[in-house]
Protein backbone atom coordinates (compact mmCIF):
# COMPACT_ATOMS: atom_id res chain seq x y z
CA MET A 1 0.06 0.04 -0.04
CA LYS A 2 1.29 3.64 -0.91
CA VAL A 3 1.00 5.85 2.10
CA GLN A 4 1.66 9.51 2.07
CA ILE A 5 4.44 9.79 4.67
CA GLU A 6 8.04 11.29 5.03
CA GLU A 7 10.23 9.09 3.00
CA SER A 8 12.56 7.75 5.40
CA TRP A 9 9.49 6.52 7.56
CA ARG A 10 8.01 5.06 4.34
CA ARG A 11 11.18 2.93 3.97
CA GLN A 12 11.10 1.79 7.50
CA LEU A 13 7.40 1.21 7.80
CA GLN A 14 6.63 -0.05 4.16
CA GLU A 15 6.47 -3.81 5.58
CA GLU A 16 3.74 -2.61 7.94
CA PHE A 17 1.76 -0.56 5.24
CA ASP A 18 1.66 -3.83 3.23
CA LYS A 19 0.10 -6.05 6.11
CA PRO A 20 -3.51 -6.88 6.15
CA TYR A 21 -4.18 -5.13 9.49
CA PHE A 22 -3.11 -1.94 7.94
CA GLU A 23 -5.31 -2.21 4.95
CA HIS A 24 -8.30 -2.76 7.34
CA LEU A 25 -7.03 0.23 9.37
CA VAL A 26 -7.04 2.35 6.37
CA GLY A 27 -10.69 1.21 5.52
CA PHE A 28 -11.98 1.99 8.83
CA VAL A 29 -10.42 5.32 8.95
CA LYS A 30 -11.61 6.29 5.61
CA GLU A 31 -15.20 5.35 6.62
CA GLU A 32 -14.89 7.45 9.84
CA TYR A 33 -13.68 10.56 8.04
CA ALA A 34 -16.58 10.10 5.49
CA ARG A 35 -19.18 9.76 8.38
CA TYR A 36 -17.97 11.98 11.26
CA THR A 37 -15.92 14.77 12.23
CA VAL A 38 -12.59 12.99 12.91
CA PHE A 39 -9.14 14.54 14.48
CA PRO A 40 -6.62 15.44 13.24
CA PRO A 41 -7.37 16.51 9.66
CA GLY A 42 -6.74 14.03 7.06
CA SER A 43 -3.57 15.57 5.85
CA ARG A 44 -2.01 15.67 9.14
CA ILE A 45 -2.47 12.03 10.34
CA PHE A 46 1.19 11.40 9.99
CA HIS A 47 2.29 14.94 11.00
CA ALA A 48 4.67 13.84 13.65
CA TYR A 49 6.53 11.73 11.41
CA ASN A 50 6.55 14.18 8.52
CA THR A 51 8.06 16.79 10.90
CA CYS A 52 10.74 14.42 12.36
CA PRO A 53 12.48 12.08 9.83
CA PHE A 54 13.44 8.53 11.11
CA GLU A 55 17.27 9.18 11.31
CA LYS A 56 16.77 12.50 13.14
CA VAL A 57 14.86 11.14 16.05
CA LYS A 58 16.51 11.85 19.34
CA VAL A 59 13.68 11.81 21.82
CA VAL A 60 10.36 9.79 21.73
CA ILE A 61 7.38 11.25 23.74
CA LEU A 62 4.57 8.80 23.63
CA GLY A 63 1.00 9.68 24.25
CA GLN A 64 -1.85 7.43 24.19
CA ASP A 65 -5.14 8.93 22.59
CA PRO A 66 -5.40 12.30 20.72
CA TYR A 67 -7.30 15.27 22.07
CA HIS A 68 -10.89 14.75 20.80
CA GLU A 69 -12.28 18.27 21.45
CA PRO A 70 -12.41 20.68 18.23
CA GLY A 71 -9.44 22.90 17.47
CA GLN A 72 -6.93 21.06 19.65
CA TYR A 73 -5.30 17.91 18.00
CA TYR A 74 -3.48 18.64 14.72
CA GLY A 75 -0.96 15.65 14.73
CA LEU A 76 1.58 16.10 17.48
CA CYS A 77 0.87 14.61 20.87
CA PHE A 78 0.41 17.17 23.61
CA SER A 79 0.67 20.02 21.23
CA VAL A 80 -1.87 22.55 20.23
CA MET A 81 -1.99 25.32 17.58
CA ASP A 82 -1.42 29.03 18.47
CA GLY A 83 -4.38 30.61 19.85
CA VAL A 84 -5.65 27.37 21.36
CA PRO A 85 -5.77 27.27 25.38
CA PHE A 86 -3.17 24.83 26.64
CA PRO A 87 -4.81 21.75 27.64
CA PRO A 88 -3.91 20.74 31.36
CA SER A 89 -1.36 18.09 30.66
CA LEU A 90 0.50 20.38 28.50
CA VAL A 91 0.45 23.03 31.25
CA ASN A 92 2.09 20.52 33.50
CA ILE A 93 4.52 19.55 30.95
CA PHE A 94 5.55 23.26 30.70
CA LYS A 95 5.56 23.70 34.50
CA GLU A 96 8.05 20.78 34.90
CA ILE A 97 10.20 22.20 32.27
CA GLN A 98 10.16 25.61 34.33
CA ASN A 99 10.95 23.85 37.54
CA ASP A 100 13.49 21.44 36.02
CA LEU A 101 15.47 23.95 33.80
CA GLY A 102 14.10 27.36 34.82
CA LYS A 103 12.59 28.42 31.54
CA PRO A 104 9.46 30.37 31.58
CA ILE A 105 6.12 29.17 30.46
CA PRO A 106 6.27 29.62 26.72
CA CYS A 107 3.43 31.68 24.83
CA SER A 108 2.88 28.90 22.11
CA GLY A 109 1.73 25.51 22.72
CA ARG A 110 2.85 24.32 19.37
CA LEU A 111 5.78 21.88 19.79
CA GLU A 112 7.05 21.81 16.13
CA ARG A 113 10.03 23.74 17.71
CA TRP A 114 10.94 20.26 19.56
CA ALA A 115 10.13 18.22 16.52
CA ASP A 116 12.70 20.22 14.47
CA GLN A 117 15.21 19.17 16.90
CA GLY A 118 14.69 15.45 16.69
CA VAL A 119 11.60 15.11 19.36
CA LEU A 120 9.18 12.53 18.06
CA LEU A 121 5.76 13.46 19.39
CA ILE A 122 3.60 10.51 18.97
CA ASN A 123 0.17 9.03 20.10
CA ALA A 124 -0.22 5.38 20.11
CA ILE A 125 -3.53 6.16 18.25
CA LEU A 126 -3.41 8.60 15.41
CA THR A 127 -7.14 9.45 14.95
CA VAL A 128 -10.00 10.03 17.03
CA ARG A 129 -13.89 10.69 16.59
CA ALA A 130 -14.81 14.24 17.93
CA HIS A 131 -15.78 14.24 21.49
CA GLN A 132 -15.32 10.43 21.77
CA ALA A 133 -12.04 9.78 23.54
CA GLY A 134 -10.83 6.36 22.69
CA SER A 135 -13.20 5.76 19.76
CA HIS A 136 -10.49 4.47 17.48
CA GLN A 137 -8.78 2.20 19.96
CA GLY A 138 -8.39 -1.49 18.95
CA LYS A 139 -8.39 -0.74 15.10
CA GLY A 140 -4.78 -1.25 14.30
CA TRP A 141 -3.20 1.90 15.27
CA GLU A 142 -1.74 0.29 18.45
CA GLU A 143 0.03 -2.37 16.26
CA PHE A 144 1.29 0.27 13.81
CA THR A 145 2.81 2.40 16.62
CA ASP A 146 4.43 -0.62 18.20
CA ALA A 147 6.31 -1.35 14.85
CA VAL A 148 7.37 2.27 15.01
CA ILE A 149 8.77 1.84 18.32
CA ARG A 150 10.50 -1.48 17.45
CA ARG A 151 11.99 0.11 14.37
CA LEU A 152 13.59 2.84 16.45
CA ASN A 153 14.73 0.37 18.97
CA ASP A 154 16.42 -1.88 16.59
CA GLU A 155 17.69 0.42 14.06
CA ARG A 156 18.89 3.50 15.91
CA GLU A 157 21.02 3.97 19.27
CA HIS A 158 21.03 6.70 21.93
CA ILE A 159 17.35 7.59 21.77
CA VAL A 160 15.72 8.94 24.85
CA PHE A 161 12.24 7.55 25.42
CA MET A 162 9.90 9.51 27.70
CA LEU A 163 7.23 7.06 28.72
CA TRP A 164 4.66 8.93 31.00
CA GLY A 165 2.02 6.71 32.55
CA ALA A 166 1.16 2.99 32.69
CA TYR A 167 0.19 2.87 29.33
CA ALA A 168 3.31 4.22 27.76
CA GLN A 169 5.35 2.36 29.89
CA LYS A 170 3.64 -1.03 29.11
CA LYS A 171 4.04 -0.12 25.27
CA GLY A 172 7.70 0.48 25.64
CA VAL A 173 8.56 -2.59 27.84
CA PHE A 174 10.75 -4.21 24.99
CA ILE A 175 13.06 -1.15 24.54
CA ASP A 176 16.62 -2.25 24.95
CA ARG A 177 18.01 -0.16 27.96
CA THR A 178 21.54 -0.95 27.13
CA ARG A 179 21.18 1.07 23.70
CA HIS A 180 18.65 3.77 24.60
CA CYS A 181 17.73 5.90 27.65
CA VAL A 182 14.32 5.01 29.05
CA LEU A 183 12.84 7.60 31.40
CA THR A 184 9.63 6.74 33.30
CA ALA A 185 7.16 8.82 35.32
CA PRO A 186 3.46 9.10 35.96
CA HIS A 187 1.37 11.02 33.26
CA PRO A 188 1.36 14.67 33.35
CA SER A 189 -2.37 14.58 33.55
CA PRO A 190 -3.81 16.60 36.60
CA LEU A 191 -5.20 13.26 37.85
CA SER A 192 -1.55 11.87 38.22
CA ALA A 193 1.06 14.69 37.72
CA ASP A 194 1.49 15.07 41.67
CA ARG A 195 2.29 11.51 41.98
CA GLY A 196 5.89 11.93 40.41
CA PHE A 197 5.56 13.70 37.13
CA PHE A 198 6.43 16.94 38.80
CA GLY A 199 9.84 16.53 39.86
CA CYS A 200 10.83 13.91 37.48
CA LYS A 201 13.49 16.31 35.77
CA HIS A 202 13.27 14.27 32.69
CA PHE A 203 14.14 17.11 30.46
CA SER A 204 17.55 17.95 32.15
CA LYS A 205 18.18 14.15 32.31
CA ALA A 206 17.58 13.73 28.69
CA ASN A 207 20.18 16.50 28.12
CA ALA A 208 22.60 15.04 30.43
CA TYR A 209 22.34 11.64 28.68
CA PHE A 210 23.06 13.48 25.26
CA ARG A 211 26.28 15.23 26.74
CA SER A 212 27.37 11.95 27.99
CA LYS A 213 27.08 10.52 24.38
CA GLY A 214 28.68 13.79 22.83
CA LEU A 215 25.39 14.66 21.20
CA ALA A 216 23.67 17.94 21.05
CA GLU A 217 21.05 18.79 23.77
CA ILE A 218 17.53 19.59 23.09
CA GLU A 219 16.60 23.18 23.59
CA TRP A 220 13.21 22.66 25.51
């Protein structure tokens, strides 16, 4: 199957695109877009991959389900377009960066500035029906994103995986800790941030890891 995605990712994932589950997934997604309001816009389903080529990935931040309210999700996990109020989890991410690195809360919730430096901001599920959290679970996206993580794990070295919450940690259980840095913490949601996301210092720890490998740090 021919999928419109950045070329380095297409080469890595073509095997997935040719599998029966992905064909079924595409059929399901097309029907959903035809019948309902679905996020993100169809042209931005693979926005995270298109903004951060495979060989450029330095950090993986793994979300679960996309924001499902209008105007919020446009293809990067936790990120929102300018002018959109910051969702609570993003507020808490910025608070932790402020506490960890002393940086002020930014004016923009758009995280392409991270993606441009090699931060892959992906959700386990790439689409969602408006107002219906989890509506596209169990349709094949999880298998696809498992394959993404496996390719990064197997083909790259010295990636920092930030796994926030039990779901992300379970999804990343097979990551080789001898080749990559795996940072775990509770999810930044207000329901759990006080249980260890605040104070996790993942952003300074990631940069310390990059320094130890002679790699450029991320400007968070």
